[in-house]
Amino acid sequence: MGTVGRKAELGVAIIVLGLLALLLPWSSATVASLDFVPSDAYSILTGTVYALGIIVILAGIAVLRLKEEE
């Protein structure tokens, strides 16, 4: 059994991002149902999708840099 390489770590990180994306609708509806939050679930979901998009773009840049090093 060897050590985990960079590609395996990145693969697991992208899988975790996918799992977080699956939780977005549930979490945005839960936050929107709080009394002290004056917004609806759609606006919260939109913001989280933008944030997830930025993270995925950064992951793509990391993959490109990893490919250049090899």
PDB file of N, CA and C in Angstrom:
ATOM      1  N   MET A   1       0.843  -1.172   0.000  1.00  0.00           N
ATOM      2  CA  MET A   1       0.000   0.000   0.000  1.00  0.00           C
ATOM      3  C   MET A   1       0.892   1.240   0.000  1.00  0.00           C
ATOM      4  N   GLY A   2       0.741   2.098  -1.024  1.00  0.00           N
ATOM      5  CA  GLY A   2       1.586   3.273  -1.155  1.00  0.00           C
ATOM      6  C   GLY A   2       0.920   4.527  -0.614  1.00  0.00           C
ATOM      7  N   THR A   3       1.616   5.617  -0.838  1.00  0.00           N
ATOM      8  CA  THR A   3       1.074   6.899  -0.399  1.00  0.00           C
ATOM      9  C   THR A   3       0.099   7.432  -1.443  1.00  0.00           C
ATOM     10  N   VAL A   4      -0.707   8.367  -1.027  1.00  0.00           N
ATOM     11  CA  VAL A   4      -1.687   8.966  -1.924  1.00  0.00           C
ATOM     12  C   VAL A   4      -1.025  10.107  -2.681  1.00  0.00           C
ATOM     13  N   GLY A   5      -1.191  10.106  -4.000  1.00  0.00           N
ATOM     14  CA  GLY A   5      -0.588  11.153  -4.820  1.00  0.00           C
ATOM     15  C   GLY A   5      -1.497  12.362  -4.974  1.00  0.00           C
ATOM     16  N   ARG A   6      -0.969  13.344  -5.681  1.00  0.00           N
ATOM     17  CA  ARG A   6      -1.713  14.588  -5.877  1.00  0.00           C
ATOM     18  C   ARG A   6      -2.991  14.376  -6.675  1.00  0.00           C
ATOM     19  N   LYS A   7      -2.915  13.532  -7.681  1.00  0.00           N
ATOM     20  CA  LYS A   7      -4.098  13.306  -8.506  1.00  0.00           C
ATOM     21  C   LYS A   7      -5.207  12.639  -7.712  1.00  0.00           C
ATOM     22  N   ALA A   8      -4.864  11.723  -6.843  1.00  0.00           N
ATOM     23  CA  ALA A   8      -5.877  11.073  -6.007  1.00  0.00           C
ATOM     24  C   ALA A   8      -6.490  12.064  -5.034  1.00  0.00           C
ATOM     25  N   GLU A   9      -5.663  12.919  -4.461  1.00  0.00           N
ATOM     26  CA  GLU A   9      -6.180  13.939  -3.545  1.00  0.00           C
ATOM     27  C   GLU A   9      -7.121  14.888  -4.267  1.00  0.00           C
ATOM     28  N   LEU A  10      -6.742  15.307  -5.461  1.00  0.00           N
ATOM     29  CA  LEU A  10      -7.583  16.206  -6.239  1.00  0.00           C
ATOM     30  C   LEU A  10      -8.886  15.524  -6.641  1.00  0.00           C
ATOM     31  N   GLY A  11      -8.802  14.254  -6.984  1.00  0.00           N
ATOM     32  CA  GLY A  11     -10.013  13.518  -7.332  1.00  0.00           C
ATOM     33  C   GLY A  11     -10.985  13.453  -6.171  1.00  0.00           C
ATOM     34  N   VAL A  12     -10.474  13.189  -4.990  1.00  0.00           N
ATOM     35  CA  VAL A  12     -11.333  13.145  -3.803  1.00  0.00           C
ATOM     36  C   VAL A  12     -11.910  14.524  -3.513  1.00  0.00           C
ATOM     37  N   ALA A  13     -11.120  15.560  -3.696  1.00  0.00           N
ATOM     38  CA  ALA A  13     -11.615  16.918  -3.456  1.00  0.00           C
ATOM     39  C   ALA A  13     -12.741  17.279  -4.415  1.00  0.00           C
ATOM     40  N   ILE A  14     -12.632  16.888  -5.666  1.00  0.00           N
ATOM     41  CA  ILE A  14     -13.693  17.168  -6.628  1.00  0.00           C
ATOM     42  C   ILE A  14     -14.942  16.366  -6.299  1.00  0.00           C
ATOM     43  N   ILE A  15     -14.781  15.139  -5.818  1.00  0.00           N
ATOM     44  CA  ILE A  15     -15.934  14.344  -5.386  1.00  0.00           C
ATOM     45  C   ILE A  15     -16.633  15.018  -4.217  1.00  0.00           C
ATOM     46  N   VAL A  16     -15.866  15.536  -3.279  1.00  0.00           N
ATOM     47  CA  VAL A  16     -16.456  16.239  -2.132  1.00  0.00           C
ATOM     48  C   VAL A  16     -17.208  17.482  -2.600  1.00  0.00           C
ATOM     49  N   LEU A  17     -16.661  18.205  -3.577  1.00  0.00           N
ATOM     50  CA  LEU A  17     -17.370  19.356  -4.122  1.00  0.00           C
ATOM     51  C   LEU A  17     -18.696  18.940  -4.751  1.00  0.00           C
ATOM     52  N   GLY A  18     -18.697  17.805  -5.419  1.00  0.00           N
ATOM     53  CA  GLY A  18     -19.946  17.302  -5.983  1.00  0.00           C
ATOM     54  C   GLY A  18     -20.959  16.967  -4.905  1.00  0.00           C
ATOM     55  N   LEU A  19     -20.491  16.383  -3.814  1.00  0.00           N
ATOM     56  CA  LEU A  19     -21.398  16.084  -2.701  1.00  0.00           C
ATOM     57  C   LEU A  19     -21.952  17.357  -2.081  1.00  0.00           C
ATOM     58  N   LEU A  20     -21.114  18.369  -1.960  1.00  0.00           N
ATOM     59  CA  LEU A  20     -21.596  19.651  -1.447  1.00  0.00           C
ATOM     60  C   LEU A  20     -22.640  20.256  -2.377  1.00  0.00           C
ATOM     61  N   ALA A  21     -22.451  20.092  -3.673  1.00  0.00           N
ATOM     62  CA  ALA A  21     -23.433  20.604  -4.627  1.00  0.00           C
ATOM     63  C   ALA A  21     -24.773  19.899  -4.469  1.00  0.00           C
ATOM     64  N   LEU A  22     -24.741  18.624  -4.114  1.00  0.00           N
ATOM     65  CA  LEU A  22     -25.991  17.897  -3.891  1.00  0.00           C
ATOM     66  C   LEU A  22     -26.728  18.401  -2.660  1.00  0.00           C
ATOM     67  N   LEU A  23     -26.011  18.977  -1.714  1.00  0.00           N
ATOM     68  CA  LEU A  23     -26.631  19.491  -0.492  1.00  0.00           C
ATOM     69  C   LEU A  23     -27.143  20.926  -0.619  1.00  0.00           C
ATOM     70  N   LEU A  24     -26.822  21.608  -1.703  1.00  0.00           N
ATOM     71  CA  LEU A  24     -27.188  23.015  -1.836  1.00  0.00           C
ATOM     72  C   LEU A  24     -28.693  23.275  -1.760  1.00  0.00           C
ATOM     73  N   PRO A  25     -29.534  22.547  -2.477  1.00  0.00           N
ATOM     74  CA  PRO A  25     -30.971  22.846  -2.381  1.00  0.00           C
ATOM     75  C   PRO A  25     -31.520  22.659  -0.969  1.00  0.00           C
ATOM     76  N   TRP A  26     -31.109  21.616  -0.288  1.00  0.00           N
ATOM     77  CA  TRP A  26     -31.589  21.376   1.079  1.00  0.00           C
ATOM     78  C   TRP A  26     -31.121  22.475   2.018  1.00  0.00           C
ATOM     79  N   SER A  27     -29.847  22.833   1.924  1.00  0.00           N
ATOM     80  CA  SER A  27     -29.325  23.830   2.856  1.00  0.00           C
ATOM     81  C   SER A  27     -29.897  25.215   2.586  1.00  0.00           C
ATOM     82  N   SER A  28     -30.110  25.571   1.325  1.00  0.00           N
ATOM     83  CA  SER A  28     -30.672  26.890   1.044  1.00  0.00           C
ATOM     84  C   SER A  28     -32.114  26.987   1.508  1.00  0.00           C
ATOM     85  N   ALA A  29     -32.881  25.917   1.392  1.00  0.00           N
ATOM     86  CA  ALA A  29     -34.256  25.932   1.897  1.00  0.00           C
ATOM     87  C   ALA A  29     -34.274  26.017   3.420  1.00  0.00           C
ATOM     88  N   THR A  30     -33.334  25.357   4.075  1.00  0.00           N
ATOM     89  CA  THR A  30     -33.258  25.406   5.536  1.00  0.00           C
ATOM     90  C   THR A  30     -32.897  26.805   6.019  1.00  0.00           C
ATOM     91  N   VAL A  31     -31.932  27.439   5.370  1.00  0.00           N
ATOM     92  CA  VAL A  31     -31.536  28.785   5.765  1.00  0.00           C
ATOM     93  C   VAL A  31     -32.668  29.777   5.488  1.00  0.00           C
ATOM     94  N   ALA A  32     -33.355  29.620   4.370  1.00  0.00           N
ATOM     95  CA  ALA A  32     -34.439  30.542   4.027  1.00  0.00           C
ATOM     96  C   ALA A  32     -35.610  30.433   4.994  1.00  0.00           C
ATOM     97  N   SER A  33     -35.773  29.286   5.639  1.00  0.00           N
ATOM     98  CA  SER A  33     -36.889  29.119   6.572  1.00  0.00           C
ATOM     99  C   SER A  33     -36.626  29.757   7.936  1.00  0.00           C
ATOM    100  N   LEU A  34     -35.405  30.212   8.195  1.00  0.00           N
ATOM    101  CA  LEU A  34     -35.103  30.887   9.457  1.00  0.00           C
ATOM    102  C   LEU A  34     -35.807  32.241   9.507  1.00  0.00           C
ATOM    103  N   ASP A  35     -36.281  32.607  10.681  1.00  0.00           N
ATOM    104  CA  ASP A  35     -37.055  33.841  10.825  1.00  0.00           C
ATOM    105  C   ASP A  35     -36.222  35.101  10.612  1.00  0.00           C
ATOM    106  N   PHE A  36     -34.953  35.072  10.988  1.00  0.00           N
ATOM    107  CA  PHE A  36     -34.132  36.280  10.910  1.00  0.00           C
ATOM    108  C   PHE A  36     -33.445  36.463   9.564  1.00  0.00           C
ATOM    109  N   VAL A  37     -33.700  35.585   8.595  1.00  0.00           N
ATOM    110  CA  VAL A  37     -33.102  35.703   7.268  1.00  0.00           C
ATOM    111  C   VAL A  37     -34.162  36.249   6.306  1.00  0.00           C
ATOM    112  N   PRO A  38     -33.993  37.477   5.825  1.00  0.00           N
ATOM    113  CA  PRO A  38     -35.015  38.081   4.973  1.00  0.00           C
ATOM    114  C   PRO A  38     -34.829  37.804   3.477  1.00  0.00           C
ATOM    115  N   SER A  39     -34.563  36.576   3.086  1.00  0.00           N
ATOM    116  CA  SER A  39     -34.410  36.260   1.672  1.00  0.00           C
ATOM    117  C   SER A  39     -35.025  34.900   1.390  1.00  0.00           C
ATOM    118  N   ASP A  40     -35.207  34.621   0.133  1.00  0.00           N
ATOM    119  CA  ASP A  40     -35.810  33.351  -0.243  1.00  0.00           C
ATOM    120  C   ASP A  40     -34.739  32.336  -0.616  1.00  0.00           C
ATOM    121  N   ALA A  41     -35.171  31.104  -0.805  1.00  0.00           N
ATOM    122  CA  ALA A  41     -34.222  30.020  -1.079  1.00  0.00           C
ATOM    123  C   ALA A  41     -33.537  30.197  -2.427  1.00  0.00           C
ATOM    124  N   TYR A  42     -34.222  30.793  -3.387  1.00  0.00           N
ATOM    125  CA  TYR A  42     -33.627  30.939  -4.711  1.00  0.00           C
ATOM    126  C   TYR A  42     -32.390  31.838  -4.685  1.00  0.00           C
ATOM    127  N   SER A  43     -32.480  32.957  -3.996  1.00  0.00           N
ATOM    128  CA  SER A  43     -31.321  33.857  -3.962  1.00  0.00           C
ATOM    129  C   SER A  43     -30.148  33.226  -3.220  1.00  0.00           C
ATOM    130  N   ILE A  44     -30.436  32.480  -2.175  1.00  0.00           N
ATOM    131  CA  ILE A  44     -29.366  31.793  -1.451  1.00  0.00           C
ATOM    132  C   ILE A  44     -28.741  30.720  -2.341  1.00  0.00           C
ATOM    133  N   LEU A  45     -29.577  29.971  -3.063  1.00  0.00           N
ATOM    134  CA  LEU A  45     -29.074  28.928  -3.947  1.00  0.00           C
ATOM    135  C   LEU A  45     -28.238  29.529  -5.078  1.00  0.00           C
ATOM    136  N   THR A  46     -28.671  30.657  -5.603  1.00  0.00           N
ATOM    137  CA  THR A  46     -27.914  31.319  -6.664  1.00  0.00           C
ATOM    138  C   THR A  46     -26.530  31.733  -6.177  1.00  0.00           C
ATOM    139  N   GLY A  47     -26.467  32.309  -4.995  1.00  0.00           N
ATOM    140  CA  GLY A  47     -25.176  32.709  -4.447  1.00  0.00           C
ATOM    141  C   GLY A  47     -24.250  31.533  -4.210  1.00  0.00           C
ATOM    142  N   THR A  48     -24.797  30.440  -3.724  1.00  0.00           N
ATOM    143  CA  THR A  48     -23.952  29.275  -3.474  1.00  0.00           C
ATOM    144  C   THR A  48     -23.492  28.628  -4.773  1.00  0.00           C
ATOM    145  N   VAL A  49     -24.316  28.681  -5.805  1.00  0.00           N
ATOM    146  CA  VAL A  49     -23.897  28.134  -7.095  1.00  0.00           C
ATOM    147  C   VAL A  49     -22.755  28.970  -7.677  1.00  0.00           C
ATOM    148  N   TYR A  50     -22.834  30.299  -7.528  1.00  0.00           N
ATOM    149  CA  TYR A  50     -21.720  31.139  -7.974  1.00  0.00           C
ATOM    150  C   TYR A  50     -20.443  30.803  -7.209  1.00  0.00           C
ATOM    151  N   ALA A  51     -20.560  30.631  -5.913  1.00  0.00           N
ATOM    152  CA  ALA A  51     -19.386  30.292  -5.105  1.00  0.00           C
ATOM    153  C   ALA A  51     -18.818  28.940  -5.519  1.00  0.00           C
ATOM    154  N   LEU A  52     -19.694  27.971  -5.766  1.00  0.00           N
ATOM    155  CA  LEU A  52     -19.235  26.652  -6.198  1.00  0.00           C
ATOM    156  C   LEU A  52     -18.552  26.738  -7.558  1.00  0.00           C
ATOM    157  N   GLY A  53     -19.083  27.574  -8.441  1.00  0.00           N
ATOM    158  CA  GLY A  53     -18.460  27.748  -9.748  1.00  0.00           C
ATOM    159  C   GLY A  53     -17.050  28.289  -9.641  1.00  0.00           C
ATOM    160  N   ILE A  54     -16.849  29.256  -8.754  1.00  0.00           N
ATOM    161  CA  ILE A  54     -15.509  29.816  -8.557  1.00  0.00           C
ATOM    162  C   ILE A  54     -14.557  28.746  -8.029  1.00  0.00           C
ATOM    163  N   ILE A  55     -15.036  27.934  -7.103  1.00  0.00           N
ATOM    164  CA  ILE A  55     -14.189  26.877  -6.539  1.00  0.00           C
ATOM    165  C   ILE A  55     -13.827  25.855  -7.609  1.00  0.00           C
ATOM    166  N   VAL A  56     -14.779  25.496  -8.462  1.00  0.00           N
ATOM    167  CA  VAL A  56     -14.504  24.523  -9.519  1.00  0.00           C
ATOM    168  C   VAL A  56     -13.517  25.105 -10.531  1.00  0.00           C
ATOM    169  N   ILE A  57     -13.641  26.391 -10.834  1.00  0.00           N
ATOM    170  CA  ILE A  57     -12.675  27.030 -11.731  1.00  0.00           C
ATOM    171  C   ILE A  57     -11.274  26.980 -11.126  1.00  0.00           C
ATOM    172  N   LEU A  58     -11.162  27.272  -9.849  1.00  0.00           N
ATOM    173  CA  LEU A  58      -9.855  27.190  -9.189  1.00  0.00           C
ATOM    174  C   LEU A  58      -9.310  25.763  -9.207  1.00  0.00           C
ATOM    175  N   ALA A  59     -10.190  24.781  -9.070  1.00  0.00           N
ATOM    176  CA  ALA A  59      -9.747  23.383  -9.147  1.00  0.00           C
ATOM    177  C   ALA A  59      -9.238  23.057 -10.546  1.00  0.00           C
ATOM    178  N   GLY A  60      -9.901  23.583 -11.559  1.00  0.00           N
ATOM    179  CA  GLY A  60      -9.430  23.377 -12.928  1.00  0.00           C
ATOM    180  C   GLY A  60      -8.065  23.988 -13.157  1.00  0.00           C
ATOM    181  N   ILE A  61      -7.856  25.180 -12.616  1.00  0.00           N
ATOM    182  CA  ILE A  61      -6.536  25.817 -12.726  1.00  0.00           C
ATOM    183  C   ILE A  61      -5.478  24.974 -12.018  1.00  0.00           C
ATOM    184  N   ALA A  62      -5.839  24.416 -10.876  1.00  0.00           N
ATOM    185  CA  ALA A  62      -4.890  23.562 -10.149  1.00  0.00           C
ATOM    186  C   ALA A  62      -4.542  22.321 -10.956  1.00  0.00           C
ATOM    187  N   VAL A  63      -5.528  21.744 -11.630  1.00  0.00           N
ATOM    188  CA  VAL A  63      -5.260  20.565 -12.461  1.00  0.00           C
ATOM    189  C   VAL A  63      -4.337  20.933 -13.618  1.00  0.00           C
ATOM    190  N   LEU A  64      -4.566  22.072 -14.231  1.00  0.00           N
ATOM    191  CA  LEU A  64      -3.689  22.495 -15.323  1.00  0.00           C
ATOM    192  C   LEU A  64      -2.259  22.705 -14.842  1.00  0.00           C
ATOM    193  N   ARG A  65      -2.097  23.305 -13.702  1.00  0.00           N
ATOM    194  CA  ARG A  65      -0.750  23.512 -13.160  1.00  0.00           C
ATOM    195  C   ARG A  65      -0.093  22.181 -12.805  1.00  0.00           C
ATOM    196  N   LEU A  66      -0.862  21.248 -12.292  1.00  0.00           N
ATOM    197  CA  LEU A  66      -0.323  19.936 -11.955  1.00  0.00           C
ATOM    198  C   LEU A  66       0.144  19.223 -13.215  1.00  0.00           C
ATOM    199  N   LYS A  67      -0.597  19.368 -14.289  1.00  0.00           N
ATOM    200  CA  LYS A  67      -0.230  18.729 -15.540  1.00  0.00           C
ATOM    201  C   LYS A  67       1.058  19.322 -16.105  1.00  0.00           C
ATOM    202  N   GLU A  68       1.278  20.623 -15.931  1.00  0.00           N
ATOM    203  CA  GLU A  68       2.493  21.259 -16.421  1.00  0.00           C
ATOM    204  C   GLU A  68       3.728  20.802 -15.659  1.00  0.00           C
ATOM    205  N   GLU A  69       3.587  20.473 -14.392  1.00  0.00           N
ATOM    206  CA  GLU A  69       4.744  20.077 -13.586  1.00  0.00           C
ATOM    207  C   GLU A  69       5.272  18.700 -13.965  1.00  0.00           C
ATOM    208  N   GLU A  70       4.419  17.858 -14.501  1.00  0.00           N
ATOM    209  CA  GLU A  70       4.855  16.492 -14.790  1.00  0.00           C
ATOM    210  C   GLU A  70       5.628  16.365 -16.067  1.00  0.00           C
TER     211      GLU A  70
END
